[in-house]
Amino acid sequence: MIIKQQTDDEARVQILKAIADPARLQIIRMLYAKQAEMNCGEIGENLDINKSTVSYHFKTLREAGLTTTRKVGQNKYVRLNEALFETVLPGFLATL
C-alpha cells in the first residue's frame, strides 16, 4: 500500500508542477473552454508564443498525463485528459 501511495504522490507532484506554469495553465484553460482538440500553431498564436515553446509545454502536459497528443503530418493536436483532472483534482477545471 505504501508503494502505491508513493507512486500516486509522485504523479500528483508531476501534475501540480505541470499546471504551476502560467503558460501551461493558459493552455489548459484554452483547451477546456474550446472543449475540443487544438493544434500547436493555433495555441501559439492565441498565446503569442513561438511554436517550439508551445511544443515544450505540450510535452510537459502530456508527460503529466493532463493531455493527449495526436500527430497528423507535421501538425500536433492536443486534447485535455479531463478524466485525469476529475480523478486527481476534482472540480479544478470548473474553476478556470
Protein backbone atom coordinates (compact mmCIF):
# COMPACT_ATOMS: atom_id res chain seq x y z
CA MET A 1 0.00 0.00 0.00
CA ILE A 2 2.87 2.40 0.78
CA ILE A 3 4.39 1.85 -2.67
CA LYS A 4 1.08 2.67 -4.40
CA GLN A 5 0.71 5.79 -2.25
CA GLN A 6 4.25 6.90 -3.18
CA THR A 7 3.50 6.33 -6.87
CA ASP A 8 0.25 8.27 -6.58
CA ASP A 9 2.04 11.10 -4.79
CA GLU A 10 4.75 11.23 -7.46
CA ALA A 11 2.04 11.52 -10.13
CA ARG A 12 0.34 14.31 -8.16
CA VAL A 13 3.63 16.21 -7.84
CA GLN A 14 4.25 15.91 -11.60
CA ILE A 15 0.71 17.14 -12.31
CA LEU A 16 0.99 20.08 -9.93
CA LYS A 17 4.37 21.08 -11.38
CA ALA A 18 2.88 20.97 -14.88
CA ILE A 19 -0.04 23.26 -14.02
CA ALA A 20 2.11 25.63 -11.94
CA ASP A 21 3.43 27.34 -15.08
CA PRO A 22 1.26 30.30 -16.20
CA ALA A 23 1.57 29.43 -19.92
CA ARG A 24 0.56 25.81 -19.34
CA LEU A 25 -2.34 26.93 -17.19
CA GLN A 26 -3.46 29.17 -20.07
CA ILE A 27 -3.20 26.21 -22.46
CA ILE A 28 -5.35 24.11 -20.12
CA ARG A 29 -7.86 26.94 -19.81
CA MET A 30 -7.99 27.37 -23.59
CA LEU A 31 -8.45 23.65 -24.25
CA TYR A 32 -11.14 23.40 -21.58
CA ALA A 33 -13.04 26.40 -22.95
CA LYS A 34 -12.91 25.06 -26.51
CA GLN A 35 -13.91 21.52 -25.46
CA ALA A 36 -12.05 20.20 -28.49
CA GLU A 37 -8.53 19.48 -29.57
CA MET A 38 -6.35 22.33 -30.78
CA ASN A 39 -3.12 22.38 -32.74
CA CYS A 40 0.21 23.80 -31.66
CA GLY A 41 0.13 26.74 -34.08
CA GLU A 42 -3.37 27.76 -33.03
CA ILE A 43 -2.45 27.80 -29.35
CA GLY A 44 0.84 29.58 -30.05
CA GLU A 45 -0.98 32.32 -31.96
CA ASN A 46 -3.56 32.78 -29.21
CA LEU A 47 -0.89 32.99 -26.50
CA ASP A 48 1.69 34.82 -28.64
CA ILE A 49 4.34 32.16 -28.00
CA ASN A 50 6.54 30.55 -30.65
CA LYS A 51 5.85 27.03 -31.85
CA SER A 52 8.86 25.41 -30.19
CA THR A 53 7.92 26.84 -26.79
CA VAL A 54 4.34 25.65 -27.21
CA SER A 55 5.64 22.19 -28.15
CA TYR A 56 7.71 22.13 -24.95
CA HIS A 57 4.61 22.98 -22.90
CA PHE A 58 2.61 20.29 -24.74
CA LYS A 59 5.30 17.74 -23.87
CA THR A 60 5.22 18.68 -20.18
CA LEU A 61 1.43 18.45 -20.05
CA ARG A 62 1.43 15.13 -21.92
CA GLU A 63 4.09 13.60 -19.64
CA ALA A 64 1.98 14.56 -16.63
CA GLY A 65 -0.98 12.80 -18.26
CA LEU A 66 -3.02 16.01 -18.48
CA THR A 67 -3.31 15.96 -22.26
CA THR A 68 -3.18 13.56 -25.16
CA THR A 69 -1.46 14.39 -28.42
CA ARG A 70 -2.31 13.26 -31.91
CA LYS A 71 0.13 13.91 -34.73
CA VAL A 72 -1.01 14.36 -38.33
CA GLY A 73 1.87 15.06 -40.68
CA GLN A 74 3.77 17.98 -39.18
CA ASN A 75 0.85 19.09 -37.00
CA LYS A 76 0.26 18.11 -33.40
CA TYR A 77 -3.26 18.21 -31.97
CA VAL A 78 -3.75 18.33 -28.22
CA ARG A 79 -6.80 17.45 -26.13
CA LEU A 80 -7.33 17.64 -22.37
CA ASN A 81 -7.48 14.41 -20.40
CA GLU A 82 -10.48 15.57 -18.38
CA ALA A 83 -10.87 12.16 -16.71
CA LEU A 84 -7.46 12.55 -15.04
CA PHE A 85 -8.33 16.04 -13.84
CA GLU A 86 -11.55 14.73 -12.29
CA THR A 87 -9.71 11.86 -10.61
CA VAL A 88 -6.77 13.82 -9.22
CA LEU A 89 -8.13 17.39 -8.98
CA PRO A 90 -11.93 17.07 -8.92
CA GLY A 91 -13.62 20.36 -9.76
CA PHE A 92 -10.40 22.08 -10.82
CA LEU A 93 -11.37 22.63 -14.44
CA ALA A 94 -14.63 24.29 -13.41
CA THR A 95 -12.61 26.96 -11.57
CA LEU A 96 -10.96 28.10 -14.78
